[in-house]
Amino acid sequence: MTPRPTPRPRRPHTRPREHTCTVRCVREPLHSAIAARLCRRVRSGEDQVGDHLPSEAELCAEFSTSRRGLPC
């Protein structure tokens, strides 16, 4: 019987941060990137304070992720 290969450790689903670095890409968790983008929308005036957030289904479609990747 052959020994089972050691499974690789799971890495969290991440997306690259916006950066100008060309040497190595620093990554942040996907849920943090989504939360930061939602905050930027409010600060830029695209969304107003007091407006409803998009539904989970809309956020999943916009960010091409599952519900697990969304911030709580």
PDB file of N, CA and C in Angstrom:
ATOM      1  N   MET A   1       0.815  -1.177   0.000  1.00  0.00           N
ATOM      2  CA  MET A   1       0.000   0.000   0.000  1.00  0.00           C
ATOM      3  C   MET A   1       0.869   1.255   0.000  1.00  0.00           C
ATOM      4  N   THR A   2       0.546   2.196  -0.854  1.00  0.00           N
ATOM      5  CA  THR A   2       1.337   3.421  -0.918  1.00  0.00           C
ATOM      6  C   THR A   2       0.837   4.419   0.124  1.00  0.00           C
ATOM      7  N   PRO A   3       1.757   5.178   0.708  1.00  0.00           N
ATOM      8  CA  PRO A   3       1.333   6.170   1.708  1.00  0.00           C
ATOM      9  C   PRO A   3       0.562   7.312   1.052  1.00  0.00           C
ATOM     10  N   ARG A   4      -0.376   7.859   1.795  1.00  0.00           N
ATOM     11  CA  ARG A   4      -1.174   8.989   1.282  1.00  0.00           C
ATOM     12  C   ARG A   4      -0.322  10.249   1.271  1.00  0.00           C
ATOM     13  N   PRO A   5      -0.469  11.074   0.249  1.00  0.00           N
ATOM     14  CA  PRO A   5       0.291  12.329   0.230  1.00  0.00           C
ATOM     15  C   PRO A   5      -0.233  13.277   1.310  1.00  0.00           C
ATOM     16  N   THR A   6       0.656  14.082   1.834  1.00  0.00           N
ATOM     17  CA  THR A   6       0.271  15.061   2.849  1.00  0.00           C
ATOM     18  C   THR A   6      -0.548  16.164   2.185  1.00  0.00           C
ATOM     19  N   PRO A   7      -1.759  16.450   2.705  1.00  0.00           N
ATOM     20  CA  PRO A   7      -2.560  17.510   2.082  1.00  0.00           C
ATOM     21  C   PRO A   7      -1.935  18.888   2.313  1.00  0.00           C
ATOM     22  N   ARG A   8      -2.095  19.738   1.319  1.00  0.00           N
ATOM     23  CA  ARG A   8      -1.591  21.101   1.452  1.00  0.00           C
ATOM     24  C   ARG A   8      -2.505  21.886   2.377  1.00  0.00           C
ATOM     25  N   PRO A   9      -1.959  22.798   3.189  1.00  0.00           N
ATOM     26  CA  PRO A   9      -2.825  23.609   4.049  1.00  0.00           C
ATOM     27  C   PRO A   9      -3.678  24.547   3.200  1.00  0.00           C
ATOM     28  N   ARG A  10      -4.915  24.778   3.638  1.00  0.00           N
ATOM     29  CA  ARG A  10      -5.810  25.672   2.904  1.00  0.00           C
ATOM     30  C   ARG A  10      -5.423  27.123   3.157  1.00  0.00           C
ATOM     31  N   ARG A  11      -5.485  27.899   2.112  1.00  0.00           N
ATOM     32  CA  ARG A  11      -5.238  29.330   2.230  1.00  0.00           C
ATOM     33  C   ARG A  11      -6.569  30.057   2.119  1.00  0.00           C
ATOM     34  N   PRO A  12      -6.743  31.162   2.846  1.00  0.00           N
ATOM     35  CA  PRO A  12      -8.004  31.900   2.716  1.00  0.00           C
ATOM     36  C   PRO A  12      -8.122  32.525   1.334  1.00  0.00           C
ATOM     37  N   HIS A  13      -9.357  32.680   0.866  1.00  0.00           N
ATOM     38  CA  HIS A  13      -9.601  33.296  -0.434  1.00  0.00           C
ATOM     39  C   HIS A  13      -9.227  34.773  -0.343  1.00  0.00           C
ATOM     40  N   THR A  14      -8.274  35.199  -1.128  1.00  0.00           N
ATOM     41  CA  THR A  14      -7.820  36.584  -1.050  1.00  0.00           C
ATOM     42  C   THR A  14      -7.754  37.207  -2.430  1.00  0.00           C
ATOM     43  N   ARG A  15      -7.778  38.498  -2.426  1.00  0.00           N
ATOM     44  CA  ARG A  15      -7.602  39.280  -3.655  1.00  0.00           C
ATOM     45  C   ARG A  15      -6.466  40.263  -3.428  1.00  0.00           C
ATOM     46  N   PRO A  16      -5.757  40.665  -4.499  1.00  0.00           N
ATOM     47  CA  PRO A  16      -4.648  41.602  -4.314  1.00  0.00           C
ATOM     48  C   PRO A  16      -5.145  42.978  -3.895  1.00  0.00           C
ATOM     49  N   ARG A  17      -4.388  43.631  -3.033  1.00  0.00           N
ATOM     50  CA  ARG A  17      -4.686  45.012  -2.660  1.00  0.00           C
ATOM     51  C   ARG A  17      -4.355  45.919  -3.827  1.00  0.00           C
ATOM     52  N   GLU A  18      -4.967  47.095  -3.835  1.00  0.00           N
ATOM     53  CA  GLU A  18      -4.588  48.079  -4.841  1.00  0.00           C
ATOM     54  C   GLU A  18      -3.224  48.616  -4.425  1.00  0.00           C
ATOM     55  N   HIS A  19      -2.265  48.546  -5.320  1.00  0.00           N
ATOM     56  CA  HIS A  19      -0.922  48.951  -4.963  1.00  0.00           C
ATOM     57  C   HIS A  19      -0.135  49.357  -6.209  1.00  0.00           C
ATOM     58  N   THR A  20       1.031  49.914  -5.953  1.00  0.00           N
ATOM     59  CA  THR A  20       1.910  50.296  -7.048  1.00  0.00           C
ATOM     60  C   THR A  20       3.171  49.442  -7.061  1.00  0.00           C
ATOM     61  N   CYS A  21       3.264  48.496  -6.143  1.00  0.00           N
ATOM     62  CA  CYS A  21       4.427  47.628  -6.026  1.00  0.00           C
ATOM     63  C   CYS A  21       4.497  46.676  -7.220  1.00  0.00           C
ATOM     64  N   THR A  22       5.685  46.502  -7.776  1.00  0.00           N
ATOM     65  CA  THR A  22       5.844  45.553  -8.878  1.00  0.00           C
ATOM     66  C   THR A  22       6.657  44.341  -8.457  1.00  0.00           C
ATOM     67  N   VAL A  23       7.193  44.352  -7.229  1.00  0.00           N
ATOM     68  CA  VAL A  23       8.045  43.262  -6.783  1.00  0.00           C
ATOM     69  C   VAL A  23       7.209  42.081  -6.299  1.00  0.00           C
ATOM     70  N   ARG A  24       6.308  42.320  -5.345  1.00  0.00           N
ATOM     71  CA  ARG A  24       5.502  41.236  -4.801  1.00  0.00           C
ATOM     72  C   ARG A  24       4.134  41.776  -4.406  1.00  0.00           C
ATOM     73  N   CYS A  25       3.115  41.041  -4.728  1.00  0.00           N
ATOM     74  CA  CYS A  25       1.749  41.462  -4.458  1.00  0.00           C
ATOM     75  C   CYS A  25       1.384  41.167  -3.006  1.00  0.00           C
ATOM     76  N   VAL A  26       1.009  42.194  -2.247  1.00  0.00           N
ATOM     77  CA  VAL A  26       0.545  42.011  -0.878  1.00  0.00           C
ATOM     78  C   VAL A  26      -0.943  41.717  -0.952  1.00  0.00           C
ATOM     79  N   ARG A  27      -1.390  40.692  -0.237  1.00  0.00           N
ATOM     80  CA  ARG A  27      -2.787  40.295  -0.326  1.00  0.00           C
ATOM     81  C   ARG A  27      -3.513  40.583   0.983  1.00  0.00           C
ATOM     82  N   GLU A  28      -4.795  40.892   0.844  1.00  0.00           N
ATOM     83  CA  GLU A  28      -5.650  41.050   2.001  1.00  0.00           C
ATOM     84  C   GLU A  28      -6.858  40.143   1.809  1.00  0.00           C
ATOM     85  N   PRO A  29      -7.496  39.735   2.888  1.00  0.00           N
ATOM     86  CA  PRO A  29      -8.660  38.854   2.750  1.00  0.00           C
ATOM     87  C   PRO A  29      -9.750  39.502   1.899  1.00  0.00           C
ATOM     88  N   LEU A  30     -10.465  38.671   1.157  1.00  0.00           N
ATOM     89  CA  LEU A  30     -11.501  39.163   0.256  1.00  0.00           C
ATOM     90  C   LEU A  30     -12.567  39.948   0.999  1.00  0.00           C
ATOM     91  N   HIS A  31     -12.999  39.465   2.177  1.00  0.00           N
ATOM     92  CA  HIS A  31     -14.042  40.181   2.907  1.00  0.00           C
ATOM     93  C   HIS A  31     -13.585  41.572   3.322  1.00  0.00           C
ATOM     94  N   SER A  32     -12.298  41.742   3.620  1.00  0.00           N
ATOM     95  CA  SER A  32     -11.774  43.063   3.965  1.00  0.00           C
ATOM     96  C   SER A  32     -11.775  43.985   2.752  1.00  0.00           C
ATOM     97  N   ALA A  33     -11.428  43.442   1.584  1.00  0.00           N
ATOM     98  CA  ALA A  33     -11.419  44.243   0.360  1.00  0.00           C
ATOM     99  C   ALA A  33     -12.832  44.698  -0.008  1.00  0.00           C
ATOM    100  N   ILE A  34     -13.820  43.814   0.190  1.00  0.00           N
ATOM    101  CA  ILE A  34     -15.209  44.174  -0.119  1.00  0.00           C
ATOM    102  C   ILE A  34     -15.691  45.247   0.846  1.00  0.00           C
ATOM    103  N   ALA A  35     -15.406  45.093   2.140  1.00  0.00           N
ATOM    104  CA  ALA A  35     -15.815  46.094   3.133  1.00  0.00           C
ATOM    105  C   ALA A  35     -15.177  47.443   2.829  1.00  0.00           C
ATOM    106  N   ALA A  36     -13.902  47.436   2.451  1.00  0.00           N
ATOM    107  CA  ALA A  36     -13.214  48.689   2.129  1.00  0.00           C
ATOM    108  C   ALA A  36     -13.845  49.352   0.905  1.00  0.00           C
ATOM    109  N   ARG A  37     -14.223  48.563  -0.094  1.00  0.00           N
ATOM    110  CA  ARG A  37     -14.839  49.134  -1.289  1.00  0.00           C
ATOM    111  C   ARG A  37     -16.209  49.730  -0.973  1.00  0.00           C
ATOM    112  N   LEU A  38     -16.983  49.062  -0.107  1.00  0.00           N
ATOM    113  CA  LEU A  38     -18.281  49.611   0.293  1.00  0.00           C
ATOM    114  C   LEU A  38     -18.105  50.937   1.040  1.00  0.00           C
ATOM    115  N   CYS A  39     -17.097  51.015   1.903  1.00  0.00           N
ATOM    116  CA  CYS A  39     -16.810  52.277   2.609  1.00  0.00           C
ATOM    117  C   CYS A  39     -16.402  53.372   1.629  1.00  0.00           C
ATOM    118  N   ARG A  40     -15.589  53.019   0.637  1.00  0.00           N
ATOM    119  CA  ARG A  40     -15.176  54.009  -0.369  1.00  0.00           C
ATOM    120  C   ARG A  40     -16.367  54.556  -1.139  1.00  0.00           C
ATOM    121  N   ARG A  41     -17.352  53.700  -1.411  1.00  0.00           N
ATOM    122  CA  ARG A  41     -18.559  54.166  -2.111  1.00  0.00           C
ATOM    123  C   ARG A  41     -19.278  55.245  -1.318  1.00  0.00           C
ATOM    124  N   VAL A  42     -19.362  55.052  -0.006  1.00  0.00           N
ATOM    125  CA  VAL A  42     -20.041  56.041   0.836  1.00  0.00           C
ATOM    126  C   VAL A  42     -19.218  57.327   0.874  1.00  0.00           C
ATOM    127  N   ARG A  43     -17.909  57.198   1.061  1.00  0.00           N
ATOM    128  CA  ARG A  43     -17.058  58.395   1.125  1.00  0.00           C
ATOM    129  C   ARG A  43     -17.056  59.180  -0.180  1.00  0.00           C
ATOM    130  N   SER A  44     -17.137  58.488  -1.311  1.00  0.00           N
ATOM    131  CA  SER A  44     -17.095  59.156  -2.611  1.00  0.00           C
ATOM    132  C   SER A  44     -18.434  59.787  -2.987  1.00  0.00           C
ATOM    133  N   GLY A  45     -19.501  59.420  -2.263  1.00  0.00           N
ATOM    134  CA  GLY A  45     -20.814  59.973  -2.567  1.00  0.00           C
ATOM    135  C   GLY A  45     -21.631  59.105  -3.512  1.00  0.00           C
ATOM    136  N   GLU A  46     -21.054  58.003  -3.978  1.00  0.00           N
ATOM    137  CA  GLU A  46     -21.786  57.095  -4.861  1.00  0.00           C
ATOM    138  C   GLU A  46     -22.993  56.518  -4.121  1.00  0.00           C
ATOM    139  N   ASP A  47     -22.800  56.140  -2.857  1.00  0.00           N
ATOM    140  CA  ASP A  47     -23.889  55.719  -1.978  1.00  0.00           C
ATOM    141  C   ASP A  47     -23.986  56.748  -0.863  1.00  0.00           C
ATOM    142  N   GLN A  48     -25.182  57.014  -0.406  1.00  0.00           N
ATOM    143  CA  GLN A  48     -25.392  57.997   0.652  1.00  0.00           C
ATOM    144  C   GLN A  48     -25.492  57.299   2.001  1.00  0.00           C
ATOM    145  N   VAL A  49     -25.123  58.017   3.063  1.00  0.00           N
ATOM    146  CA  VAL A  49     -25.293  57.497   4.411  1.00  0.00           C
ATOM    147  C   VAL A  49     -26.784  57.278   4.635  1.00  0.00           C
ATOM    148  N   GLY A  50     -27.152  56.109   5.111  1.00  0.00           N
ATOM    149  CA  GLY A  50     -28.559  55.782   5.327  1.00  0.00           C
ATOM    150  C   GLY A  50     -29.161  54.953   4.214  1.00  0.00           C
ATOM    151  N   ASP A  51     -28.505  54.881   3.054  1.00  0.00           N
ATOM    152  CA  ASP A  51     -28.988  54.026   1.967  1.00  0.00           C
ATOM    153  C   ASP A  51     -28.855  52.560   2.382  1.00  0.00           C
ATOM    154  N   HIS A  52     -29.686  51.719   1.812  1.00  0.00           N
ATOM    155  CA  HIS A  52     -29.586  50.287   2.072  1.00  0.00           C
ATOM    156  C   HIS A  52     -28.409  49.711   1.302  1.00  0.00           C
ATOM    157  N   LEU A  53     -27.746  48.743   1.924  1.00  0.00           N
ATOM    158  CA  LEU A  53     -26.673  48.035   1.233  1.00  0.00           C
ATOM    159  C   LEU A  53     -27.284  47.106   0.191  1.00  0.00           C
ATOM    160  N   PRO A  54     -26.540  46.768  -0.850  1.00  0.00           N
ATOM    161  CA  PRO A  54     -27.040  45.788  -1.820  1.00  0.00           C
ATOM    162  C   PRO A  54     -27.286  44.449  -1.117  1.00  0.00           C
ATOM    163  N   SER A  55     -28.161  43.642  -1.675  1.00  0.00           N
ATOM    164  CA  SER A  55     -28.440  42.323  -1.106  1.00  0.00           C
ATOM    165  C   SER A  55     -27.214  41.428  -1.241  1.00  0.00           C
ATOM    166  N   GLU A  56     -27.220  40.330  -0.486  1.00  0.00           N
ATOM    167  CA  GLU A  56     -26.109  39.381  -0.580  1.00  0.00           C
ATOM    168  C   GLU A  56     -25.948  38.861  -2.008  1.00  0.00           C
ATOM    169  N   ALA A  57     -27.068  38.589  -2.661  1.00  0.00           N
ATOM    170  CA  ALA A  57     -27.004  38.072  -4.036  1.00  0.00           C
ATOM    171  C   ALA A  57     -26.353  39.101  -4.967  1.00  0.00           C
ATOM    172  N   GLU A  58     -26.697  40.373  -4.806  1.00  0.00           N
ATOM    173  CA  GLU A  58     -26.108  41.425  -5.650  1.00  0.00           C
ATOM    174  C   GLU A  58     -24.619  41.576  -5.369  1.00  0.00           C
ATOM    175  N   LEU A  59     -24.239  41.533  -4.078  1.00  0.00           N
ATOM    176  CA  LEU A  59     -22.816  41.640  -3.736  1.00  0.00           C
ATOM    177  C   LEU A  59     -22.033  40.441  -4.277  1.00  0.00           C
ATOM    178  N   CYS A  60     -22.610  39.249  -4.164  1.00  0.00           N
ATOM    179  CA  CYS A  60     -21.937  38.047  -4.678  1.00  0.00           C
ATOM    180  C   CYS A  60     -21.711  38.155  -6.182  1.00  0.00           C
ATOM    181  N   ALA A  61     -22.707  38.649  -6.895  1.00  0.00           N
ATOM    182  CA  ALA A  61     -22.572  38.792  -8.348  1.00  0.00           C
ATOM    183  C   ALA A  61     -21.547  39.867  -8.699  1.00  0.00           C
ATOM    184  N   GLU A  62     -21.583  40.982  -7.983  1.00  0.00           N
ATOM    185  CA  GLU A  62     -20.668  42.095  -8.272  1.00  0.00           C
ATOM    186  C   GLU A  62     -19.208  41.726  -8.019  1.00  0.00           C
ATOM    187  N   PHE A  63     -18.962  40.986  -6.937  1.00  0.00           N
ATOM    188  CA  PHE A  63     -17.593  40.665  -6.559  1.00  0.00           C
ATOM    189  C   PHE A  63     -17.179  39.245  -6.955  1.00  0.00           C
ATOM    190  N   SER A  64     -18.031  38.552  -7.675  1.00  0.00           N
ATOM    191  CA  SER A  64     -17.742  37.192  -8.152  1.00  0.00           C
ATOM    192  C   SER A  64     -17.271  36.287  -7.018  1.00  0.00           C
ATOM    193  N   THR A  65     -18.071  36.212  -5.976  1.00  0.00           N
ATOM    194  CA  THR A  65     -17.731  35.390  -4.822  1.00  0.00           C
ATOM    195  C   THR A  65     -18.965  34.693  -4.293  1.00  0.00           C
ATOM    196  N   SER A  66     -18.778  33.825  -3.334  1.00  0.00           N
ATOM    197  CA  SER A  66     -19.906  33.186  -2.660  1.00  0.00           C
ATOM    198  C   SER A  66     -20.249  34.002  -1.416  1.00  0.00           C
ATOM    199  N   ARG A  67     -21.299  33.606  -0.725  1.00  0.00           N
ATOM    200  CA  ARG A  67     -21.683  34.314   0.497  1.00  0.00           C
ATOM    201  C   ARG A  67     -20.584  34.241   1.542  1.00  0.00           C
ATOM    202  N   ARG A  68     -19.790  33.214   1.505  1.00  0.00           N
ATOM    203  CA  ARG A  68     -18.716  33.041   2.483  1.00  0.00           C
ATOM    204  C   ARG A  68     -17.671  34.160   2.380  1.00  0.00           C
ATOM    205  N   GLY A  69     -17.489  34.722   1.210  1.00  0.00           N
ATOM    206  CA  GLY A  69     -16.507  35.777   1.029  1.00  0.00           C
ATOM    207  C   GLY A  69     -16.975  37.147   1.444  1.00  0.00           C
ATOM    208  N   LEU A  70     -18.254  37.288   1.767  1.00  0.00           N
ATOM    209  CA  LEU A  70     -18.796  38.587   2.137  1.00  0.00           C
ATOM    210  C   LEU A  70     -18.501  38.911   3.586  1.00  0.00           C
ATOM    211  N   PRO A  71     -18.310  40.214   3.887  1.00  0.00           N
ATOM    212  CA  PRO A  71     -18.115  40.579   5.295  1.00  0.00           C
ATOM    213  C   PRO A  71     -19.406  40.363   6.075  1.00  0.00           C
ATOM    214  N   CYS A  72     -19.277  40.026   7.348  1.00  0.00           N
ATOM    215  CA  CYS A  72     -20.458  39.784   8.189  1.00  0.00           C
ATOM    216  C   CYS A  72     -21.242  41.062   8.417  1.00  0.00           C
TER     217      CYS A  72
END
